Amino acid sequence: MKIGIFSKLAAGAAMIALTAGAAKAQESVEVLHWWTSGGEAAALNVLKENLQKQGIGWQDMPVAGGSGVQAMTALRARVTSGDPPTAVQMLGFDIKDWAEMGVVGNLNDLATEQGWDKVIPAALQEFSKFDGDWIAAPVNVHSTNWLWLNKAALDKAGGEPPKNMDELFALLDKFKEQGITPLAHGGQPWQDGTLWESVVLSVGGMDFYKKAVIEADAEALSSDTMRQVFDNMSKLREYFDANFSGRDWNLSTALVIEGQAGAQQMGDWSKGEWLRAEKKPGEDFVCIRFPGTQGSVLFNSDQFVMFDVGEDKRNAQLKMAAAVEDPAFQIAFNTVKGSVPARTDVPDTEFDDCGKKGMKDLAEAAASGNLAGSLAHGHAQPSSVKEAVFDVVTQHLNGQITTDQALERLPQAVAAAQ
């Protein structure tokens, strides 16, 4: 009889433990993101560890793909089935699109309590808010118009970073003479677009970039200046290696790190790969603004959009948003990721030379009116227009259409997508 009683007591205790464990397990966040490269994953671990210290579990939902296109496809499936994740890494106009659907959470109370309005730049708030309500917590500010150079290859080529397109072509010729791939590039539409927007800014300057890309002006999109952009893209294509098609961006970065290539045009997330390989700016690699774009910054900002997932998950969600905006986290994350903080009150003392340059460039560009959203990374146009531009740029870069055809199709494709 006693055995039965103790068995019942043990079973009851076990049930209580399971129930308590289940309640505790509910205090977690499920996060959809596309930070899957080594450097990106290392940066994301900073956030995971921060939340774990607060007793918040982390359910990872990684979706590979450098611009988030695949992640948005996965998100649509989740939301359509009535099971949205807690938080989703998102960019620019995608945030606005999801907000319009009425499926995102509200962070106003937390934002007011922590004073986000005072420390997050207006350019980011344009995407962090919808109808005046905070719906996202910005993690960082990336900029896309960078050129990354292998320092040993640069030194061998004379040691002088290029200041304009002509000097860039001259340097790439010297890299070719060294027997290495001059320009490491991954042939994916978003990477083609990232290169293209830097060339647009280099050739035409910020006023032209705003006219052609931000305003989508038909005359600018078919102008002689845009002809020069496409001609330069054709010339840059000659410096790619034969295996560029379809290659992920971080594999191209690895070629430059290993000295198999001389340079890569890529956003500042590329630096995370260099740091993970234990390389140092100024010693192993050189970071410069893409030649001809000095003084201007094309930006994108990773933000975590909080979805409306019910009150039972609300506490964990708010803790995650608070952790994202914690200045200590902004430093820890962005020094690993390669980006700069989303908050303006974070000092640059713990950032390396490239980070300090990024923070200084961002502040100066914002003050001078030379800060603009990146098209390739969702901060210049809605995704429909972005994809239309990608189609033309990629077809041209791969030799499927001529420059004349590109100049004819680009304004047509943009108009059709609007």
Protein backbone atom coordinates (compact mmCIF):
# COMPACT_ATOMS: atom_id res chain seq x y z
CA MET A 1 0.00 0.00 0.00
CA LYS A 2 2.82 2.39 0.92
CA ILE A 3 4.49 1.71 -2.39
CA GLY A 4 1.32 2.80 -4.16
CA ILE A 5 1.15 6.02 -2.16
CA PHE A 6 4.77 6.86 -2.86
CA SER A 7 4.24 6.01 -6.51
CA LYS A 8 1.34 8.43 -6.63
CA LEU A 9 3.37 11.09 -4.84
CA ALA A 10 6.28 10.55 -7.22
CA ALA A 11 3.97 10.72 -10.20
CA GLY A 12 2.44 13.92 -8.85
CA ALA A 13 5.85 15.46 -8.27
CA ALA A 14 6.91 14.49 -11.75
CA MET A 15 3.78 16.06 -13.21
CA ILE A 16 4.43 19.29 -11.28
CA ALA A 17 8.03 19.33 -12.52
CA LEU A 18 6.90 18.77 -16.10
CA THR A 19 4.28 21.49 -15.82
CA ALA A 20 6.81 23.90 -14.36
CA GLY A 21 9.27 22.95 -17.08
CA ALA A 22 6.66 23.55 -19.76
CA ALA A 23 5.82 26.96 -18.29
CA LYS A 24 9.47 27.87 -18.24
CA ALA A 25 9.94 26.61 -21.80
CA GLN A 26 7.23 29.01 -22.94
CA GLU A 27 9.48 31.91 -21.87
CA SER A 28 11.35 31.84 -25.16
CA VAL A 29 11.63 33.56 -28.50
CA GLU A 30 11.55 31.99 -31.95
CA VAL A 31 13.68 34.08 -34.27
CA LEU A 32 13.64 33.94 -38.07
CA HIS A 33 16.83 35.34 -39.60
CA TRP A 34 19.35 34.87 -42.40
CA TRP A 35 22.56 35.32 -40.41
CA THR A 36 24.07 31.98 -41.37
CA SER A 37 27.70 32.76 -42.29
CA GLY A 38 30.40 32.26 -39.67
CA GLY A 39 30.83 35.93 -38.80
CA GLU A 40 27.09 36.56 -38.73
CA ALA A 41 26.39 33.53 -36.54
CA ALA A 42 29.07 34.68 -34.11
CA ALA A 43 27.40 38.09 -33.87
CA LEU A 44 23.98 36.55 -33.32
CA ASN A 45 25.35 34.44 -30.46
CA VAL A 46 25.91 37.68 -28.55
CA LEU A 47 22.15 38.24 -28.51
CA LYS A 48 21.36 34.61 -27.72
CA GLU A 49 23.69 34.63 -24.70
CA ASN A 50 22.29 37.95 -23.50
CA LEU A 51 18.76 36.53 -23.46
CA GLN A 52 19.81 33.20 -21.96
CA LYS A 53 21.23 35.07 -18.96
CA GLN A 54 17.73 36.49 -18.48
CA GLY A 55 16.18 33.03 -18.63
CA ILE A 56 14.80 33.50 -22.14
CA GLY A 57 15.16 30.48 -24.42
CA TRP A 58 16.06 30.86 -28.09
CA GLN A 59 14.48 28.85 -30.90
CA ASP A 60 16.55 29.37 -34.02
CA MET A 61 14.93 29.58 -37.47
CA PRO A 62 17.77 30.34 -39.90
CA VAL A 63 17.00 30.76 -43.60
CA ALA A 64 20.11 31.13 -45.76
CA GLY A 65 20.26 33.92 -48.34
CA GLY A 66 22.17 37.16 -48.04
CA SER A 67 19.40 39.67 -48.81
CA GLY A 68 16.54 38.01 -46.94
CA VAL A 69 14.45 37.14 -50.01
CA GLN A 70 14.26 33.46 -49.00
CA ALA A 71 13.52 34.43 -45.39
CA MET A 72 10.51 36.51 -46.46
CA THR A 73 9.21 33.53 -48.44
CA ALA A 74 9.50 31.34 -45.34
CA LEU A 75 7.81 34.02 -43.25
CA ARG A 76 4.83 34.23 -45.60
CA ALA A 77 4.27 30.51 -45.17
CA ARG A 78 4.37 30.81 -41.38
CA VAL A 79 2.03 33.80 -41.19
CA THR A 80 -0.40 32.28 -43.70
CA SER A 81 -0.63 29.15 -41.54
CA GLY A 82 -1.41 31.31 -38.48
CA ASP A 83 1.89 30.55 -36.75
CA PRO A 84 4.18 33.59 -37.00
CA PRO A 85 7.60 33.57 -35.28
CA THR A 86 8.22 35.82 -32.25
CA ALA A 87 10.68 38.05 -34.06
CA VAL A 88 11.97 38.35 -37.60
CA GLN A 89 15.11 39.96 -38.96
CA MET A 90 13.88 42.36 -41.61
CA LEU A 91 14.97 45.20 -43.88
CA GLY A 92 13.44 48.48 -44.96
CA PHE A 93 10.39 48.31 -47.17
CA ASP A 94 9.71 44.70 -46.15
CA ILE A 95 8.97 46.07 -42.67
CA LYS A 96 6.41 48.49 -44.11
CA ASP A 97 4.80 45.74 -46.18
CA TRP A 98 4.27 43.48 -43.16
CA ALA A 99 3.08 46.36 -40.98
CA GLU A 100 0.36 47.17 -43.52
CA MET A 101 -0.96 43.63 -43.10
CA GLY A 102 -1.68 44.29 -39.42
CA VAL A 103 0.26 41.29 -38.10
CA VAL A 104 3.07 43.02 -36.18
CA GLY A 105 3.36 43.83 -32.49
CA ASN A 106 3.57 47.23 -30.79
CA LEU A 107 6.68 48.38 -28.91
CA ASN A 108 5.56 51.90 -27.96
CA ASP A 109 5.66 51.43 -24.16
CA LEU A 110 9.17 50.01 -24.21
CA ALA A 111 10.40 52.63 -26.71
CA THR A 112 9.01 55.45 -24.57
CA GLU A 113 10.45 53.99 -21.38
CA GLN A 114 13.91 53.67 -22.94
CA GLY A 115 13.84 56.90 -24.98
CA TRP A 116 14.40 55.36 -28.42
CA ASP A 117 13.14 58.51 -30.16
CA LYS A 118 16.16 60.45 -28.89
CA VAL A 119 18.91 57.98 -29.80
CA ILE A 120 17.79 56.20 -32.98
CA PRO A 121 18.38 58.23 -36.19
CA ALA A 122 15.35 59.48 -38.10
CA ALA A 123 16.46 57.56 -41.21
CA LEU A 124 16.06 54.31 -39.25
CA GLN A 125 12.85 55.37 -37.51
CA GLU A 126 11.34 55.74 -40.98
CA PHE A 127 11.35 51.93 -41.06
CA SER A 128 11.13 51.14 -37.32
CA LYS A 129 7.73 52.84 -37.05
CA PHE A 130 4.42 52.47 -38.82
CA ASP A 131 1.65 55.04 -38.44
CA GLY A 132 3.67 56.52 -35.57
CA ASP A 133 3.94 53.23 -33.66
CA TRP A 134 7.22 51.48 -32.91
CA ILE A 135 7.07 48.00 -34.44
CA ALA A 136 10.75 47.07 -34.74
CA ALA A 137 14.01 47.28 -32.79
CA PRO A 138 16.94 48.31 -35.02
CA VAL A 139 20.09 46.30 -34.42
CA ASN A 140 22.60 48.16 -36.52
CA VAL A 141 23.39 50.33 -39.51
CA HIS A 142 25.19 48.67 -42.38
CA SER A 143 26.52 50.49 -45.40
CA THR A 144 26.96 48.86 -48.77
CA ASN A 145 29.43 51.06 -50.67
CA TRP A 146 32.66 49.51 -49.40
CA LEU A 147 35.65 47.93 -51.14
CA TRP A 148 37.66 45.31 -49.25
CA LEU A 149 41.27 44.78 -50.25
CA ASN A 150 43.83 42.12 -49.40
CA LYS A 151 46.65 44.24 -48.00
CA ALA A 152 49.49 42.00 -49.19
CA ALA A 153 48.12 42.12 -52.75
CA LEU A 154 47.58 45.88 -52.47
CA ASP A 155 51.12 46.44 -51.20
CA LYS A 156 52.48 44.35 -54.07
CA ALA A 157 50.46 46.54 -56.46
CA GLY A 158 51.94 49.75 -55.08
CA GLY A 159 50.00 50.20 -51.86
CA GLU A 160 47.75 53.03 -53.03
CA PRO A 161 43.99 52.49 -52.59
CA PRO A 162 42.00 53.63 -55.65
CA LYS A 163 40.09 56.93 -55.42
CA ASN A 164 37.97 56.65 -58.59
CA MET A 165 36.84 54.12 -61.17
CA ASP A 166 39.88 54.64 -63.43
CA GLU A 167 42.25 53.97 -60.53
CA LEU A 168 40.16 50.91 -59.57
CA PHE A 169 40.53 49.44 -63.05
CA ALA A 170 44.28 50.11 -62.95
CA LEU A 171 44.55 48.30 -59.61
CA LEU A 172 42.50 45.35 -60.86
CA ASP A 173 44.89 45.07 -63.82
CA LYS A 174 47.78 44.84 -61.35
CA PHE A 175 45.99 42.12 -59.41
CA LYS A 176 45.55 40.22 -62.67
CA GLU A 177 49.30 40.49 -63.28
CA GLN A 178 49.84 38.90 -59.85
CA GLY A 179 47.94 35.83 -61.04
CA ILE A 180 45.02 36.23 -58.64
CA THR A 181 41.34 36.95 -59.24
CA PRO A 182 41.16 40.75 -59.38
CA LEU A 183 37.59 41.14 -58.10
CA ALA A 184 35.84 38.43 -56.10
CA HIS A 185 32.11 38.52 -56.84
CA GLY A 186 29.22 36.16 -56.22
CA GLY A 187 26.80 35.99 -59.11
CA GLN A 188 23.50 36.32 -57.25
CA PRO A 189 20.98 39.05 -58.11
CA TRP A 190 21.31 40.86 -54.77
CA GLN A 191 25.11 40.85 -55.07
CA ASP A 192 24.89 42.16 -58.64
CA GLY A 193 22.59 44.88 -57.33
CA THR A 194 24.95 45.76 -54.49
CA LEU A 195 27.79 46.27 -56.96
CA TRP A 196 25.57 48.19 -59.37
CA GLU A 197 24.35 50.70 -56.79
CA SER A 198 27.94 51.49 -55.78
CA VAL A 199 28.83 52.09 -59.42
CA VAL A 200 25.74 54.32 -59.82
CA LEU A 201 26.90 56.40 -56.84
CA SER A 202 30.50 56.48 -58.06
CA VAL A 203 29.66 57.54 -61.62
CA GLY A 204 26.77 59.90 -60.96
CA GLY A 205 27.21 61.11 -57.39
CA MET A 206 24.55 61.29 -54.68
CA ASP A 207 22.22 63.64 -56.55
CA PHE A 208 22.08 61.24 -59.50
CA TYR A 209 21.66 58.24 -57.20
CA LYS A 210 18.67 59.87 -55.53
CA LYS A 211 17.16 60.84 -58.88
CA ALA A 212 17.64 57.46 -60.53
CA VAL A 213 17.22 55.08 -57.60
CA ILE A 214 15.22 56.78 -54.85
CA GLU A 215 12.91 58.72 -57.18
CA ALA A 216 13.06 56.15 -60.02
CA ASP A 217 13.13 58.96 -62.57
CA ALA A 218 12.71 57.47 -66.07
CA GLU A 219 15.06 59.95 -67.75
CA ALA A 220 17.82 59.27 -65.22
CA LEU A 221 17.37 55.52 -65.62
CA SER A 222 17.97 55.78 -69.39
CA SER A 223 20.49 58.64 -69.34
CA ASP A 224 24.05 58.89 -70.64
CA THR A 225 25.20 58.70 -67.02
CA MET A 226 23.40 55.37 -66.61
CA ARG A 227 25.00 54.23 -69.87
CA GLN A 228 28.38 54.86 -68.27
CA VAL A 229 27.25 52.85 -65.23
CA PHE A 230 26.35 49.82 -67.35
CA ASP A 231 29.56 50.14 -69.39
CA ASN A 232 31.56 50.10 -66.16
CA MET A 233 29.64 47.04 -64.99
CA SER A 234 30.58 45.25 -68.22
CA LYS A 235 34.20 46.18 -67.65
CA LEU A 236 34.14 44.99 -64.02
CA ARG A 237 32.68 41.69 -65.19
CA GLU A 238 35.97 41.00 -67.00
CA TYR A 239 37.76 40.85 -63.64
CA PHE A 240 35.59 38.09 -62.12
CA ASP A 241 36.78 34.49 -61.97
CA ALA A 242 35.08 31.80 -64.00
CA ASN A 243 33.29 30.30 -60.98
CA PHE A 244 31.51 33.44 -59.77
CA SER A 245 27.99 32.44 -60.81
CA GLY A 246 25.76 31.57 -57.84
CA ARG A 247 28.55 31.85 -55.26
CA ASP A 248 27.59 33.04 -51.78
CA TRP A 249 29.07 36.36 -50.70
CA ASN A 250 31.07 34.95 -47.79
CA LEU A 251 32.84 32.48 -50.09
CA SER A 252 33.95 35.43 -52.21
CA THR A 253 35.16 37.16 -49.05
CA ALA A 254 37.15 34.02 -48.21
CA LEU A 255 38.96 34.27 -51.56
CA VAL A 256 40.20 37.75 -50.64
CA ILE A 257 41.09 36.67 -47.09
CA GLU A 258 43.15 33.75 -48.45
CA GLY A 259 44.92 35.93 -51.03
CA GLN A 260 43.32 34.14 -53.98
CA ALA A 261 41.60 37.41 -54.92
CA GLY A 262 42.60 41.03 -54.54
CA ALA A 263 39.35 42.81 -53.78
CA GLN A 264 35.64 42.47 -53.10
CA GLN A 265 32.89 45.07 -53.29
CA MET A 266 30.51 44.26 -50.47
CA GLY A 267 28.72 45.75 -47.50
CA ASP A 268 30.44 46.04 -44.15
CA TRP A 269 29.11 42.67 -42.97
CA SER A 270 32.09 41.36 -44.93
CA LYS A 271 34.34 42.56 -42.11
CA GLY A 272 32.82 39.97 -39.79
CA GLU A 273 34.40 37.24 -41.93
CA TRP A 274 37.82 38.90 -41.73
CA LEU A 275 37.58 39.21 -37.95
CA ARG A 276 36.48 35.60 -37.59
CA ALA A 277 39.58 34.62 -39.58
CA GLU A 278 41.59 36.59 -36.98
CA LYS A 279 42.65 39.23 -39.50
CA LYS A 280 43.19 42.87 -38.57
CA PRO A 281 42.29 46.03 -40.49
CA GLY A 282 45.37 47.90 -41.64
CA GLU A 283 47.54 44.79 -41.26
CA ASP A 284 45.77 42.09 -43.24
CA PHE A 285 43.06 44.00 -45.06
CA VAL A 286 42.10 47.52 -46.06
CA CYS A 287 38.58 48.94 -45.98
CA ILE A 288 37.76 51.93 -48.17
CA ARG A 289 34.63 53.49 -49.58
CA PHE A 290 33.99 52.19 -53.08
CA PRO A 291 36.13 54.41 -55.34
CA GLY A 292 34.34 57.64 -56.19
CA THR A 293 31.83 57.41 -53.32
CA GLN A 294 33.86 59.02 -50.55
CA GLY A 295 31.68 61.25 -48.38
CA SER A 296 28.49 59.36 -49.25
CA VAL A 297 26.89 56.38 -47.54
CA LEU A 298 24.31 53.90 -48.83
CA PHE A 299 22.76 52.27 -45.80
CA ASN A 300 20.58 49.45 -44.67
CA SER A 301 19.55 48.54 -41.16
CA ASP A 302 18.83 45.09 -39.77
CA GLN A 303 15.82 45.31 -37.49
CA PHE A 304 13.91 42.77 -35.47
CA VAL A 305 10.22 43.11 -36.19
CA MET A 306 8.05 41.78 -33.38
CA PHE A 307 4.98 39.88 -34.55
CA ASP A 308 1.65 39.74 -32.76
CA VAL A 309 2.02 36.32 -31.12
CA GLY A 310 -0.20 36.65 -28.04
CA GLU A 311 0.16 37.90 -24.48
CA ASP A 312 1.75 34.68 -23.21
CA LYS A 313 4.86 35.41 -25.30
CA ARG A 314 4.76 39.18 -24.86
CA ASN A 315 7.18 39.33 -21.91
CA ALA A 316 9.91 37.39 -23.73
CA GLN A 317 9.35 39.52 -26.81
CA LEU A 318 9.80 42.77 -24.89
CA LYS A 319 12.91 41.44 -23.18
CA MET A 320 14.37 40.63 -26.59
CA ALA A 321 13.60 44.13 -27.93
CA ALA A 322 15.13 45.69 -24.80
CA ALA A 323 18.23 43.51 -25.17
CA VAL A 324 18.64 44.58 -28.79
CA GLU A 325 18.68 48.27 -27.83
CA ASP A 326 20.97 47.82 -24.82
CA PRO A 327 24.07 49.99 -25.57
CA ALA A 328 26.37 47.24 -24.27
CA PHE A 329 24.78 44.79 -26.71
CA GLN A 330 25.00 47.30 -29.57
CA ILE A 331 28.75 47.48 -28.97
CA ALA A 332 29.26 43.73 -28.49
CA PHE A 333 27.17 42.80 -31.53
CA ASN A 334 28.39 45.40 -34.00
CA THR A 335 32.09 44.99 -33.22
CA VAL A 336 31.66 41.34 -34.29
CA LYS A 337 29.20 41.89 -37.14
CA GLY A 338 31.10 44.65 -38.96
CA SER A 339 28.23 47.14 -38.80
CA VAL A 340 27.86 50.24 -36.62
CA PRO A 341 25.34 50.80 -33.80
CA ALA A 342 21.77 51.84 -34.49
CA ARG A 343 22.01 54.18 -31.51
CA THR A 344 23.79 57.53 -31.78
CA ASP A 345 24.84 57.58 -28.12
CA VAL A 346 27.22 54.62 -28.37
CA PRO A 347 30.94 55.58 -28.21
CA ASP A 348 33.40 54.25 -30.81
CA THR A 349 36.18 53.41 -28.35
CA GLU A 350 35.79 49.64 -28.64
CA PHE A 351 35.54 49.62 -32.45
CA ASP A 352 38.47 48.90 -34.77
CA ASP A 353 39.66 51.31 -37.46
CA CYS A 354 37.05 50.19 -39.99
CA GLY A 355 34.31 50.52 -37.38
CA LYS A 356 35.46 53.98 -36.37
CA LYS A 357 35.54 55.00 -40.03
CA GLY A 358 32.05 53.59 -40.55
CA MET A 359 30.64 55.54 -37.59
CA LYS A 360 32.37 58.75 -38.68
CA ASP A 361 31.25 58.36 -42.31
CA LEU A 362 27.67 57.73 -41.24
CA ALA A 363 27.52 60.82 -39.01
CA GLU A 364 29.06 63.05 -41.68
CA ALA A 365 26.86 61.70 -44.49
CA ALA A 366 23.74 62.19 -42.38
CA ALA A 367 24.75 65.79 -41.61
CA SER A 368 25.60 66.64 -45.24
CA GLY A 369 22.56 65.03 -46.87
CA ASN A 370 24.69 62.33 -48.47
CA LEU A 371 23.02 59.42 -46.69
CA ALA A 372 20.62 57.35 -48.78
CA GLY A 373 18.98 53.94 -48.59
CA SER A 374 20.47 50.96 -50.38
CA LEU A 375 18.31 49.64 -53.20
CA ALA A 376 19.82 46.16 -53.10
CA HIS A 377 19.06 45.86 -49.40
CA GLY A 378 15.51 47.12 -49.36
CA HIS A 379 15.87 50.72 -48.23
CA ALA A 380 15.34 52.62 -51.48
CA GLN A 381 12.34 51.00 -53.15
CA PRO A 382 9.71 48.35 -52.38
CA SER A 383 10.71 44.78 -53.17
CA SER A 384 8.77 44.70 -56.46
CA VAL A 385 10.86 47.55 -57.88
CA LYS A 386 14.05 46.15 -56.37
CA GLU A 387 13.48 42.79 -58.05
CA ALA A 388 12.72 44.50 -61.39
CA VAL A 389 16.06 46.32 -61.23
CA PHE A 390 17.84 43.10 -60.25
CA ASP A 391 16.47 41.35 -63.34
CA VAL A 392 17.86 43.97 -65.73
CA VAL A 393 21.20 44.37 -63.92
CA THR A 394 21.83 40.63 -63.71
CA GLN A 395 20.87 39.98 -67.33
CA HIS A 396 23.21 42.73 -68.45
CA LEU A 397 26.08 41.64 -66.21
CA ASN A 398 25.81 38.10 -67.58
CA GLY A 399 25.88 39.34 -71.18
CA GLN A 400 22.29 38.34 -71.91
CA ILE A 401 21.35 41.89 -72.94
CA THR A 402 23.39 44.80 -74.28
CA THR A 403 23.82 48.18 -72.64
CA ASP A 404 21.37 49.68 -75.15
CA GLN A 405 18.80 47.05 -74.21
CA ALA A 406 19.44 47.61 -70.49
CA LEU A 407 18.85 51.35 -70.85
CA GLU A 408 15.59 50.64 -72.64
CA ARG A 409 14.38 47.91 -70.27
CA LEU A 410 15.36 49.47 -66.92
CA PRO A 411 12.83 52.34 -66.88
CA GLN A 412 10.18 50.04 -68.38
CA ALA A 413 10.74 47.36 -65.72
CA VAL A 414 10.67 49.91 -62.88
CA ALA A 415 7.47 51.53 -64.18
CA ALA A 416 5.78 48.15 -64.52
CA ALA A 417 6.72 47.22 -60.95
CA GLN A 418 5.49 50.43 -59.34
